[in-house]
C-alpha atoms as a PDB file:
ATOM      1  CA  MET A   1       0.000   0.000   0.000  1.00  0.00           C
ATOM      2  CA  SER A   2       1.429   3.391  -0.971  1.00  0.00           C
ATOM      3  CA  LYS A   3       1.981   5.859   1.835  1.00  0.00           C
ATOM      4  CA  ASP A   4      -0.470   8.373   0.382  1.00  0.00           C
ATOM      5  CA  LYS A   5      -3.302   5.825   0.659  1.00  0.00           C
ATOM      6  CA  ILE A   6      -2.782   5.078   4.354  1.00  0.00           C
ATOM      7  CA  LYS A   7      -5.657   6.368   6.468  1.00  0.00           C
ATOM      8  CA  PHE A   8      -5.068   9.295   8.802  1.00  0.00           C
ATOM      9  CA  GLY A   9      -6.374   7.226  11.726  1.00  0.00           C
ATOM     10  CA  HIS A  10      -3.816   4.531  10.963  1.00  0.00           C
ATOM     11  CA  ARG A  11      -1.059   7.133  11.002  1.00  0.00           C
ATOM     12  CA  VAL A  12      -2.191   8.412  14.395  1.00  0.00           C
ATOM     13  CA  GLU A  13      -2.429   4.872  15.780  1.00  0.00           C
ATOM     14  CA  ALA A  14       1.004   4.016  14.419  1.00  0.00           C
ATOM     15  CA  ALA A  15       2.489   7.156  15.990  1.00  0.00           C
ATOM     16  CA  ILE A  16       1.070   6.142  19.374  1.00  0.00           C
ATOM     17  CA  VAL A  17       2.401   2.594  19.025  1.00  0.00           C
ATOM     18  CA  TRP A  18       5.836   3.860  18.035  1.00  0.00           C
ATOM     19  CA  ALA A  19       5.879   6.251  21.004  1.00  0.00           C
ATOM     20  CA  LEU A  20       4.980   3.371  23.334  1.00  0.00           C
ATOM     21  CA  ILE A  21       7.736   1.192  21.873  1.00  0.00           C
ATOM     22  CA  LYS A  22      10.291   3.952  22.429  1.00  0.00           C
ATOM     23  CA  ALA A  23       8.989   4.534  25.948  1.00  0.00           C
ATOM     24  CA  LEU A  24       9.322   0.852  26.897  1.00  0.00           C
ATOM     25  CA  ARG A  25      12.747   0.204  25.381  1.00  0.00           C
ATOM     26  CA  PRO A  26      14.784   1.592  28.312  1.00  0.00           C
ATOM     27  CA  PHE A  27      13.154  -0.825  30.768  1.00  0.00           C
ATOM     28  CA  ARG A  28      14.117  -4.388  31.577  1.00  0.00           C
ATOM     29  CA  PRO A  29      11.727  -6.989  30.089  1.00  0.00           C
ATOM     30  CA  GLU A  30      10.015  -7.739  33.394  1.00  0.00           C
ATOM     31  CA  THR A  31       9.540  -4.032  34.163  1.00  0.00           C
ATOM     32  CA  ALA A  32       8.167  -3.334  30.686  1.00  0.00           C
ATOM     33  CA  SER A  33       5.817  -6.308  31.144  1.00  0.00           C
ATOM     34  CA  ARG A  34       4.515  -4.966  34.465  1.00  0.00           C
ATOM     35  CA  ILE A  35       3.929  -1.530  32.945  1.00  0.00           C
ATOM     36  CA  GLY A  36       2.147  -2.935  29.895  1.00  0.00           C
ATOM     37  CA  GLY A  37      -0.019  -5.205  32.023  1.00  0.00           C
ATOM     38  CA  ALA A  38      -0.974  -2.443  34.449  1.00  0.00           C
ATOM     39  CA  VAL A  39      -1.912   0.038  31.714  1.00  0.00           C
ATOM     40  CA  ALA A  40      -3.883  -2.455  29.617  1.00  0.00           C
ATOM     41  CA  GLY A  41      -5.555  -3.927  32.683  1.00  0.00           C
ATOM     42  CA  ALA A  42      -6.767  -0.480  33.755  1.00  0.00           C
ATOM     43  CA  ILE A  43      -7.903   0.807  30.355  1.00  0.00           C
ATOM     44  CA  GLY A  44      -8.936  -2.331  28.489  1.00  0.00           C
ATOM     45  CA  PRO A  45     -12.033  -3.269  30.522  1.00  0.00           C
ATOM     46  CA  LEU A  46     -13.449   0.214  29.759  1.00  0.00           C
ATOM     47  CA  ILE A  47     -13.208  -0.291  25.986  1.00  0.00           C
ATOM     48  CA  PRO A  48     -16.363  -1.518  24.160  1.00  0.00           C
ATOM     49  CA  THR A  49     -14.430  -4.560  22.878  1.00  0.00           C
ATOM     50  CA  SER A  50     -14.655  -5.919  26.416  1.00  0.00           C
ATOM     51  CA  LYS A  51     -18.360  -6.508  25.830  1.00  0.00           C
ATOM     52  CA  ILE A  52     -17.398  -9.058  23.170  1.00  0.00           C
ATOM     53  CA  ALA A  53     -15.104 -10.767  25.660  1.00  0.00           C
ATOM     54  CA  ASP A  54     -17.909 -10.929  28.229  1.00  0.00           C
ATOM     55  CA  LYS A  55     -20.292 -12.406  25.659  1.00  0.00           C
ATOM     56  CA  ASN A  56     -17.669 -14.956  24.618  1.00  0.00           C
ATOM     57  CA  LEU A  57     -17.308 -16.011  28.235  1.00  0.00           C
ATOM     58  CA  ARG A  58     -21.075 -16.346  28.655  1.00  0.00           C
ATOM     59  CA  LEU A  59     -21.159 -18.576  25.571  1.00  0.00           C
ATOM     60  CA  ALA A  60     -18.130 -20.659  26.528  1.00  0.00           C
ATOM     61  CA  MET A  61     -18.561 -20.898  30.294  1.00  0.00           C
ATOM     62  CA  PRO A  62     -22.180 -20.130  31.214  1.00  0.00           C
ATOM     63  CA  GLU A  63     -21.541 -21.331  34.748  1.00  0.00           C
ATOM     64  CA  LEU A  64     -19.373 -18.279  35.515  1.00  0.00           C
ATOM     65  CA  SER A  65     -20.783 -15.433  37.592  1.00  0.00           C
ATOM     66  CA  ALA A  66     -20.664 -11.839  36.368  1.00  0.00           C
ATOM     67  CA  ALA A  67     -17.870 -11.133  38.860  1.00  0.00           C
ATOM     68  CA  ALA A  68     -15.832 -14.088  37.587  1.00  0.00           C
ATOM     69  CA  ARG A  69     -16.252 -12.948  33.980  1.00  0.00           C
ATOM     70  CA  LYS A  70     -15.204  -9.420  34.899  1.00  0.00           C
ATOM     71  CA  LYS A  71     -12.048 -10.755  36.546  1.00  0.00           C
ATOM     72  CA  ILE A  72     -11.171 -12.873  33.496  1.00  0.00           C
ATOM     73  CA  VAL A  73     -11.711  -9.949  31.103  1.00  0.00           C
ATOM     74  CA  LYS A  74      -9.336  -7.811  33.186  1.00  0.00           C
ATOM     75  CA  GLU A  75      -6.765 -10.637  33.224  1.00  0.00           C
ATOM     76  CA  CYS A  76      -7.130 -10.974  29.461  1.00  0.00           C
ATOM     77  CA  TRP A  77      -6.281  -7.305  28.968  1.00  0.00           C
ATOM     78  CA  GLN A  78      -3.409  -7.501  31.455  1.00  0.00           C
ATOM     79  CA  ASN A  79      -1.922 -10.453  29.590  1.00  0.00           C
ATOM     80  CA  LEU A  80      -2.321  -8.692  26.240  1.00  0.00           C
ATOM     81  CA  GLY A  81      -0.546  -5.625  27.618  1.00  0.00           C
ATOM     82  CA  GLN A  82       2.239  -7.777  29.018  1.00  0.00           C
ATOM     83  CA  THR A  83       2.631  -9.665  25.745  1.00  0.00           C
ATOM     84  CA  ALA A  84       2.791  -6.455  23.709  1.00  0.00           C
ATOM     85  CA  ALA A  85       5.312  -4.885  26.105  1.00  0.00           C
ATOM     86  CA  GLU A  86       7.443  -8.041  26.180  1.00  0.00           C
ATOM     87  CA  LEU A  87       7.594  -8.053  22.375  1.00  0.00           C
ATOM     88  CA  VAL A  88       9.665  -4.865  22.555  1.00  0.00           C
ATOM     89  CA  ARG A  89      12.400  -6.745  24.485  1.00  0.00           C
ATOM     90  CA  LEU A  90      11.608 -10.371  23.594  1.00  0.00           C
ATOM     91  CA  GLY A  91      15.129 -11.058  22.381  1.00  0.00           C
ATOM     92  CA  GLU A  92      16.382 -10.373  25.912  1.00  0.00           C
ATOM     93  CA  ILE A  93      14.195 -13.032  27.544  1.00  0.00           C
ATOM     94  CA  PRO A  94      16.555 -16.015  27.828  1.00  0.00           C
ATOM     95  CA  GLU A  95      15.946 -19.710  28.178  1.00  0.00           C
ATOM     96  CA  THR A  96      16.761 -20.554  31.790  1.00  0.00           C
ATOM     97  CA  GLU A  97      15.924 -23.020  34.530  1.00  0.00           C
ATOM     98  CA  SER A  98      15.961 -20.221  37.095  1.00  0.00           C
ATOM     99  CA  GLU A  99      12.590 -19.232  38.538  1.00  0.00           C
ATOM    100  CA  THR A 100      13.623 -15.650  39.213  1.00  0.00           C
ATOM    101  CA  GLY A 101      14.070 -12.800  36.772  1.00  0.00           C
ATOM    102  CA  PRO A 102      13.020 -12.815  33.117  1.00  0.00           C
ATOM    103  CA  GLY A 103      13.256 -16.042  31.168  1.00  0.00           C
ATOM    104  CA  TYR A 104      11.414 -18.966  29.671  1.00  0.00           C
ATOM    105  CA  LYS A 105      11.553 -22.649  30.506  1.00  0.00           C
ATOM    106  CA  LEU A 106      10.950 -25.218  27.777  1.00  0.00           C
ATOM    107  CA  ILE A 107       9.057 -28.169  29.246  1.00  0.00           C
ATOM    108  CA  GLY A 108       8.596 -31.422  27.342  1.00  0.00           C
ATOM    109  CA  TRP A 109      10.901 -30.625  24.431  1.00  0.00           C
ATOM    110  CA  GLU A 110      13.441 -33.383  25.092  1.00  0.00           C
ATOM    111  CA  GLU A 111      10.742 -35.943  25.891  1.00  0.00           C
ATOM    112  CA  ASN A 112       8.139 -35.117  23.249  1.00  0.00           C
ATOM    113  CA  VAL A 113       9.596 -33.053  20.431  1.00  0.00           C
ATOM    114  CA  ALA A 114      13.263 -33.939  19.961  1.00  0.00           C
ATOM    115  CA  PRO A 115      12.746 -37.731  19.542  1.00  0.00           C
ATOM    116  CA  ALA A 116       9.965 -37.277  16.981  1.00  0.00           C
ATOM    117  CA  LEU A 117      12.045 -34.853  14.947  1.00  0.00           C
ATOM    118  CA  LYS A 118      15.002 -37.243  14.907  1.00  0.00           C
ATOM    119  CA  ASN A 119      12.762 -40.055  13.739  1.00  0.00           C
ATOM    120  CA  GLY A 120      11.439 -37.821  10.990  1.00  0.00           C
ATOM    121  CA  THR A 121      14.963 -36.796   9.865  1.00  0.00           C
ATOM    122  CA  ASP A 122      14.918 -33.125   8.930  1.00  0.00           C
ATOM    123  CA  GLY A 123      11.179 -32.493   8.737  1.00  0.00           C
ATOM    124  CA  PRO A 124       8.601 -31.443   7.991  1.00  0.00           C
ATOM    125  CA  SER A 125       6.641 -30.940  11.200  1.00  0.00           C
ATOM    126  CA  ILE A 126       3.876 -28.712  12.528  1.00  0.00           C
ATOM    127  CA  PHE A 127       3.620 -26.837  15.821  1.00  0.00           C
ATOM    128  CA  ILE A 128       0.147 -25.685  16.867  1.00  0.00           C
ATOM    129  CA  THR A 129      -0.623 -23.120  19.531  1.00  0.00           C
ATOM    130  CA  GLY A 130      -3.132 -20.413  20.417  1.00  0.00           C
ATOM    131  CA  HIS A 131      -3.182 -16.794  21.584  1.00  0.00           C
ATOM    132  CA  ILE A 132      -2.430 -17.896  25.136  1.00  0.00           C
ATOM    133  CA  ALA A 133      -0.053 -16.059  27.524  1.00  0.00           C
ATOM    134  CA  ASN A 134       2.869 -14.808  25.390  1.00  0.00           C
ATOM    135  CA  TRP A 135       2.470 -16.835  22.202  1.00  0.00           C
ATOM    136  CA  GLU A 136       5.238 -14.754  20.558  1.00  0.00           C
ATOM    137  CA  ILE A 137       7.905 -16.675  22.501  1.00  0.00           C
ATOM    138  CA  THR A 138       7.172 -20.033  20.819  1.00  0.00           C
ATOM    139  CA  PRO A 139       9.047 -19.541  17.490  1.00  0.00           C
ATOM    140  CA  PRO A 140      12.230 -18.166  19.143  1.00  0.00           C
ATOM    141  CA  SER A 141      12.273 -21.098  21.569  1.00  0.00           C
ATOM    142  CA  ALA A 142      12.205 -23.539  18.629  1.00  0.00           C
ATOM    143  CA  TRP A 143      14.904 -21.606  16.762  1.00  0.00           C
ATOM    144  CA  ALA A 144      17.117 -21.804  19.857  1.00  0.00           C
ATOM    145  CA  HIS A 145      16.916 -25.598  19.590  1.00  0.00           C
ATOM    146  CA  GLY A 146      17.824 -25.747  15.932  1.00  0.00           C
ATOM    147  CA  VAL A 147      14.297 -26.011  14.532  1.00  0.00           C
ATOM    148  CA  ASP A 148      13.721 -23.291  11.950  1.00  0.00           C
ATOM    149  CA  VAL A 149       9.974 -22.793  12.260  1.00  0.00           C
ATOM    150  CA  GLY A 150       8.216 -20.572   9.752  1.00  0.00           C
ATOM    151  CA  PHE A 151       4.787 -19.447  10.867  1.00  0.00           C
ATOM    152  CA  MET A 152       1.520 -18.238   9.439  1.00  0.00           C
ATOM    153  CA  TYR A 153       0.250 -14.930  10.767  1.00  0.00           C
ATOM    154  CA  ARG A 154      -2.732 -12.631  10.392  1.00  0.00           C
ATOM    155  CA  ALA A 155      -1.595  -9.143   9.509  1.00  0.00           C
ATOM    156  CA  ALA A 156      -2.716  -6.259  11.715  1.00  0.00           C
ATOM    157  CA  SER A 157      -5.464  -4.150  10.122  1.00  0.00           C
ATOM    158  CA  ASN A 158      -3.186  -1.110  10.317  1.00  0.00           C
ATOM    159  CA  PRO A 159      -0.374  -1.693   7.769  1.00  0.00           C
ATOM    160  CA  LEU A 160       1.988   0.670   9.587  1.00  0.00           C
ATOM    161  CA  VAL A 161       1.536  -1.152  12.890  1.00  0.00           C
ATOM    162  CA  ASN A 162       1.840  -4.481  11.097  1.00  0.00           C
ATOM    163  CA  GLU A 163       5.204  -3.402   9.686  1.00  0.00           C
ATOM    164  CA  MET A 164       6.381  -2.405  13.177  1.00  0.00           C
ATOM    165  CA  ILE A 165       5.416  -5.825  14.556  1.00  0.00           C
ATOM    166  CA  LEU A 166       7.249  -7.644  11.768  1.00  0.00           C
ATOM    167  CA  ARG A 167      10.357  -5.522  12.344  1.00  0.00           C
ATOM    168  CA  LEU A 168      10.224  -6.155  16.082  1.00  0.00           C
ATOM    169  CA  ARG A 169      10.032  -9.916  15.493  1.00  0.00           C
ATOM    170  CA  GLU A 170      13.078  -9.851  13.260  1.00  0.00           C
ATOM    171  CA  ALA A 171      14.998  -7.489  15.550  1.00  0.00           C
ATOM    172  CA  ASN A 172      14.338  -9.765  18.515  1.00  0.00           C
ATOM    173  CA  ALA A 173      15.366 -12.842  16.532  1.00  0.00           C
ATOM    174  CA  GLY A 174      18.456 -11.156  15.111  1.00  0.00           C
ATOM    175  CA  ARG A 175      17.714 -12.835  11.781  1.00  0.00           C
ATOM    176  CA  LYS A 176      15.328 -13.020   8.870  1.00  0.00           C
ATOM    177  CA  VAL A 177      12.095 -14.667  10.006  1.00  0.00           C
ATOM    178  CA  THR A 178      10.052 -16.915   7.723  1.00  0.00           C
ATOM    179  CA  MET A 179       6.418 -15.777   7.891  1.00  0.00           C
ATOM    180  CA  PHE A 180       3.419 -16.616   5.724  1.00  0.00           C
ATOM    181  CA  PRO A 181       0.454 -14.204   5.660  1.00  0.00           C
ATOM    182  CA  LYS A 182      -2.933 -15.858   6.059  1.00  0.00           C
ATOM    183  CA  GLY A 183      -4.736 -16.393   2.787  1.00  0.00           C
ATOM    184  CA  ALA A 184      -4.391 -18.461  -0.362  1.00  0.00           C
ATOM    185  CA  ALA A 185      -0.953 -17.105  -1.308  1.00  0.00           C
ATOM    186  CA  GLY A 186       0.396 -17.650   2.203  1.00  0.00           C
ATOM    187  CA  ALA A 187      -1.000 -21.196   2.278  1.00  0.00           C
ATOM    188  CA  ARG A 188       0.707 -22.024  -1.005  1.00  0.00           C
ATOM    189  CA  ALA A 189       3.995 -20.634   0.299  1.00  0.00           C
ATOM    190  CA  ALA A 190       3.639 -22.630   3.531  1.00  0.00           C
ATOM    191  CA  TYR A 191       2.944 -25.780   1.524  1.00  0.00           C
ATOM    192  CA  ALA A 192       6.078 -25.212  -0.568  1.00  0.00           C
ATOM    193  CA  HIS A 193       8.025 -24.623   2.667  1.00  0.00           C
ATOM    194  CA  MET A 194       6.907 -27.998   4.015  1.00  0.00           C
ATOM    195  CA  LEU A 195       7.626 -29.754   0.715  1.00  0.00           C
ATOM    196  CA  LYS A 196      11.261 -28.765   1.271  1.00  0.00           C
ATOM    197  CA  GLY A 197      11.184 -30.299   4.765  1.00  0.00           C
ATOM    198  CA  GLY A 198      10.355 -27.065   6.577  1.00  0.00           C
ATOM    199  CA  HIS A 199       8.683 -26.771   9.961  1.00  0.00           C
ATOM    200  CA  LEU A 200       5.469 -24.775  10.275  1.00  0.00           C
ATOM    201  CA  GLY A 201       3.889 -22.951  13.233  1.00  0.00           C
ATOM    202  CA  LEU A 202       0.127 -22.370  13.291  1.00  0.00           C
ATOM    203  CA  LEU A 203      -2.033 -20.230  15.565  1.00  0.00           C
ATOM    204  CA  VAL A 204      -5.199 -22.298  15.367  1.00  0.00           C
ATOM    205  CA  ASP A 205      -7.679 -20.510  17.638  1.00  0.00           C
ATOM    206  CA  GLN A 206      -8.984 -17.783  15.318  1.00  0.00           C
ATOM    207  CA  LYS A 207     -12.261 -17.679  13.428  1.00  0.00           C
ATOM    208  CA  LEU A 208     -11.845 -18.497   9.755  1.00  0.00           C
ATOM    209  CA  ASP A 209     -14.844 -17.725   7.557  1.00  0.00           C
ATOM    210  CA  ASN A 210     -13.820 -20.256   4.919  1.00  0.00           C
ATOM    211  CA  GLY A 211     -12.829 -22.933   7.408  1.00  0.00           C
ATOM    212  CA  VAL A 212     -14.857 -25.858   8.715  1.00  0.00           C
ATOM    213  CA  SER A 213     -17.568 -25.847  11.394  1.00  0.00           C
ATOM    214  CA  ILE A 214     -16.286 -27.691  14.471  1.00  0.00           C
ATOM    215  CA  PRO A 215     -17.536 -27.645  18.098  1.00  0.00           C
ATOM    216  CA  PHE A 216     -15.657 -25.278  20.394  1.00  0.00           C
ATOM    217  CA  PHE A 217     -16.862 -24.872  23.977  1.00  0.00           C
ATOM    218  CA  GLY A 218     -20.115 -26.553  22.969  1.00  0.00           C
ATOM    219  CA  HIS A 219     -20.910 -24.290  20.003  1.00  0.00           C
ATOM    220  CA  GLU A 220     -20.158 -24.781  16.323  1.00  0.00           C
ATOM    221  CA  ALA A 221     -17.315 -22.475  15.294  1.00  0.00           C
ATOM    222  CA  MET A 222     -15.697 -21.848  11.938  1.00  0.00           C
ATOM    223  CA  THR A 223     -12.240 -23.294  12.414  1.00  0.00           C
ATOM    224  CA  MET A 224      -8.945 -23.317  10.536  1.00  0.00           C
ATOM    225  CA  ASP A 225      -8.563 -26.468   8.450  1.00  0.00           C
ATOM    226  CA  ALA A 226      -4.922 -25.873   7.461  1.00  0.00           C
ATOM    227  CA  LEU A 227      -3.645 -28.175  10.208  1.00  0.00           C
ATOM    228  CA  ALA A 228      -5.606 -31.155   8.908  1.00  0.00           C
ATOM    229  CA  SER A 229      -4.784 -30.316   5.301  1.00  0.00           C
ATOM    230  CA  PHE A 230      -1.030 -30.145   5.886  1.00  0.00           C
ATOM    231  CA  ALA A 231      -0.744 -32.865   8.536  1.00  0.00           C
ATOM    232  CA  LEU A 232      -2.691 -35.495   6.594  1.00  0.00           C
ATOM    233  CA  LYS A 233      -0.888 -34.644   3.367  1.00  0.00           C
ATOM    234  CA  PHE A 234       2.603 -34.939   4.844  1.00  0.00           C
ATOM    235  CA  ARG A 235       1.826 -37.452   7.656  1.00  0.00           C
ATOM    236  CA  CYS A 236       4.254 -35.443   9.769  1.00  0.00           C
ATOM    237  CA  PRO A 237       4.547 -34.912  13.543  1.00  0.00           C
ATOM    238  CA  VAL A 238       2.111 -32.346  14.957  1.00  0.00           C
ATOM    239  CA  PHE A 239       3.172 -30.889  18.306  1.00  0.00           C
ATOM    240  CA  PRO A 240       0.643 -29.049  20.536  1.00  0.00           C
ATOM    241  CA  VAL A 241       2.533 -26.270  22.337  1.00  0.00           C
ATOM    242  CA  HIS A 242       1.198 -23.593  24.635  1.00  0.00           C
ATOM    243  CA  VAL A 243       2.639 -20.966  26.962  1.00  0.00           C
ATOM    244  CA  VAL A 244       1.914 -20.486  30.653  1.00  0.00           C
ATOM    245  CA  ARG A 245       2.670 -17.112  32.205  1.00  0.00           C
ATOM    246  CA  VAL A 246       4.341 -17.544  35.588  1.00  0.00           C
ATOM    247  CA  ALA A 247       5.182 -13.869  36.173  1.00  0.00           C
ATOM    248  CA  PRO A 248       6.014 -10.761  34.105  1.00  0.00           C
ATOM    249  CA  ALA A 249       8.484 -11.905  31.413  1.00  0.00           C
ATOM    250  CA  ARG A 250       8.630 -15.314  33.136  1.00  0.00           C
ATOM    251  CA  LEU A 251       7.134 -18.019  30.915  1.00  0.00           C
ATOM    252  CA  HIS A 252       6.812 -21.790  30.690  1.00  0.00           C
ATOM    253  CA  ILE A 253       6.468 -23.328  27.217  1.00  0.00           C
ATOM    254  CA  ILE A 254       4.665 -26.666  27.454  1.00  0.00           C
ATOM    255  CA  CYS A 255       5.393 -29.129  24.632  1.00  0.00           C
ATOM    256  CA  GLU A 256       2.962 -32.044  24.501  1.00  0.00           C
ATOM    257  CA  PRO A 257       3.435 -35.393  22.720  1.00  0.00           C
ATOM    258  CA  PRO A 258       2.713 -35.444  18.976  1.00  0.00           C
ATOM    259  CA  MET A 259      -0.952 -35.751  18.054  1.00  0.00           C
ATOM    260  CA  VAL A 260      -2.197 -39.101  16.759  1.00  0.00           C
ATOM    261  CA  LEU A 261      -3.136 -38.623  13.111  1.00  0.00           C
ATOM    262  CA  PRO A 262      -6.276 -40.520  12.036  1.00  0.00           C
ATOM    263  CA  ASN A 263      -5.861 -42.777   9.019  1.00  0.00           C
ATOM    264  CA  THR A 264      -9.185 -44.438   8.218  1.00  0.00           C
ATOM    265  CA  GLY A 265      -8.967 -43.985   4.459  1.00  0.00           C
ATOM    266  CA  ASP A 266     -11.783 -41.418   4.542  1.00  0.00           C
ATOM    267  CA  LYS A 267      -9.945 -38.111   4.075  1.00  0.00           C
ATOM    268  CA  THR A 268     -12.929 -35.935   4.959  1.00  0.00           C
ATOM    269  CA  ALA A 269     -13.674 -37.845   8.163  1.00  0.00           C
ATOM    270  CA  ASP A 270     -10.016 -37.855   9.143  1.00  0.00           C
ATOM    271  CA  ALA A 271      -9.751 -34.082   8.624  1.00  0.00           C
ATOM    272  CA  LEU A 272     -12.854 -33.461  10.748  1.00  0.00           C
ATOM    273  CA  ALA A 273     -11.591 -35.785  13.485  1.00  0.00           C
ATOM    274  CA  LEU A 274      -8.163 -34.121  13.623  1.00  0.00           C
ATOM    275  CA  THR A 275      -9.629 -30.599  13.653  1.00  0.00           C
ATOM    276  CA  THR A 276     -12.083 -31.614  16.390  1.00  0.00           C
ATOM    277  CA  THR A 277      -9.205 -32.932  18.501  1.00  0.00           C
ATOM    278  CA  MET A 278      -7.328 -29.694  17.891  1.00  0.00           C
ATOM    279  CA  ASN A 279     -10.251 -27.643  19.245  1.00  0.00           C
ATOM    280  CA  GLN A 280     -10.525 -29.950  22.255  1.00  0.00           C
ATOM    281  CA  ILE A 281      -6.847 -29.361  23.051  1.00  0.00           C
ATOM    282  CA  LEU A 282      -7.337 -25.591  22.773  1.00  0.00           C
ATOM    283  CA  GLU A 283     -10.366 -25.735  25.032  1.00  0.00           C
ATOM    284  CA  ARG A 284      -8.427 -27.702  27.649  1.00  0.00           C
ATOM    285  CA  TRP A 285      -5.633 -25.131  27.664  1.00  0.00           C
ATOM    286  CA  ILE A 286      -8.055 -22.219  27.941  1.00  0.00           C
ATOM    287  CA  ARG A 287     -10.050 -23.786  30.776  1.00  0.00           C
ATOM    288  CA  GLU A 288      -6.838 -24.287  32.744  1.00  0.00           C
ATOM    289  CA  LYS A 289      -6.216 -20.520  32.811  1.00  0.00           C
ATOM    290  CA  PRO A 290      -9.058 -18.558  31.148  1.00  0.00           C
ATOM    291  CA  GLY A 291      -7.524 -15.129  31.744  1.00  0.00           C
ATOM    292  CA  ALA A 292      -4.514 -16.022  29.615  1.00  0.00           C
ATOM    293  CA  TRP A 293      -6.527 -16.392  26.378  1.00  0.00           C
ATOM    294  CA  LEU A 294      -7.435 -13.584  23.985  1.00  0.00           C
ATOM    295  CA  TRP A 295     -11.232 -13.383  24.395  1.00  0.00           C
ATOM    296  CA  LEU A 296     -11.571 -10.101  22.492  1.00  0.00           C
ATOM    297  CA  HIS A 297     -12.693 -11.375  19.071  1.00  0.00           C
ATOM    298  CA  ARG A 298     -15.995 -12.931  17.977  1.00  0.00           C
ATOM    299  CA  ARG A 299     -15.214 -16.634  17.787  1.00  0.00           C
ATOM    300  CA  TRP A 300     -18.703 -17.973  17.069  1.00  0.00           C
ATOM    301  CA  PRO A 301     -21.411 -17.222  14.448  1.00  0.00           C
ATOM    302  CA  LYS A 302     -22.956 -13.743  14.543  1.00  0.00           C
ATOM    303  CA  ALA A 303     -26.376 -15.139  15.490  1.00  0.00           C
ATOM    304  CA  LEU A 304     -25.083 -16.235  18.901  1.00  0.00           C
ATOM    305  CA  TYR A 305     -24.072 -12.654  19.740  1.00  0.00           C
ATOM    306  CA  LYS A 306     -27.603 -11.369  19.173  1.00  0.00           C
ATOM    307  CA  SER A 307     -29.183 -13.513  21.879  1.00  0.00           C
END
């Protein structure tokens, strides 16, 4: 998009984001995380988007009281603020076994991921995760262990902010990062990447209008079918991975055993079964710590939000 076609509102938003990035850079990762969490936790619940989060919670967990939902919405905003602030200094969050100071701990990699990758020679493989805690830490943790994961992403609606995010990711990594934008072109590029033995990371918890309808928290939800498409085509390891926030800039990355890929001979049934299992895994993670998930987008059909 040419600069003269960028909306004025996008320019203002980008200027604010850039000012925030510059303001956070002098701080240590854990301090930046605390600041981001405090600001977002105070302002976020006042924004109209929080009404969507409350409705999502009523759909997903009708047993929750209004007070419990309010607490989760605040935690959701706090986590989003922490994640955004940590992105500014993500490259300075080290892998460490220490439970003090900034750092991440990779749990289950040696038991669940490394053996499967060795058995599968150089690839391909798929890592699935969701917008839980600081999901941005998952690709760097794989790179640190010699697994060059390329990942699909949904571009921010503001192209200027999107460019800032991409630059931050590459600055933190200290290298060129392989990323595939969501859409037909990105899917083709990801497929070619896997054909060459590449590893692919997928955020699988977003609504996809041209996906498949699969139950999620008891309601049919349009769901990404790329996992099933790629996994059943390549018959490659699929690793469920999610992040648990222990403290500001203190994260645990949980690597689970590879998913069992169905192989009944009925490709459509196998794809539905694998995608259903994927949603069940996501739901389990979210129920374990609801405030860590990004509840701010409409995940279910529009009709459910009118009731």
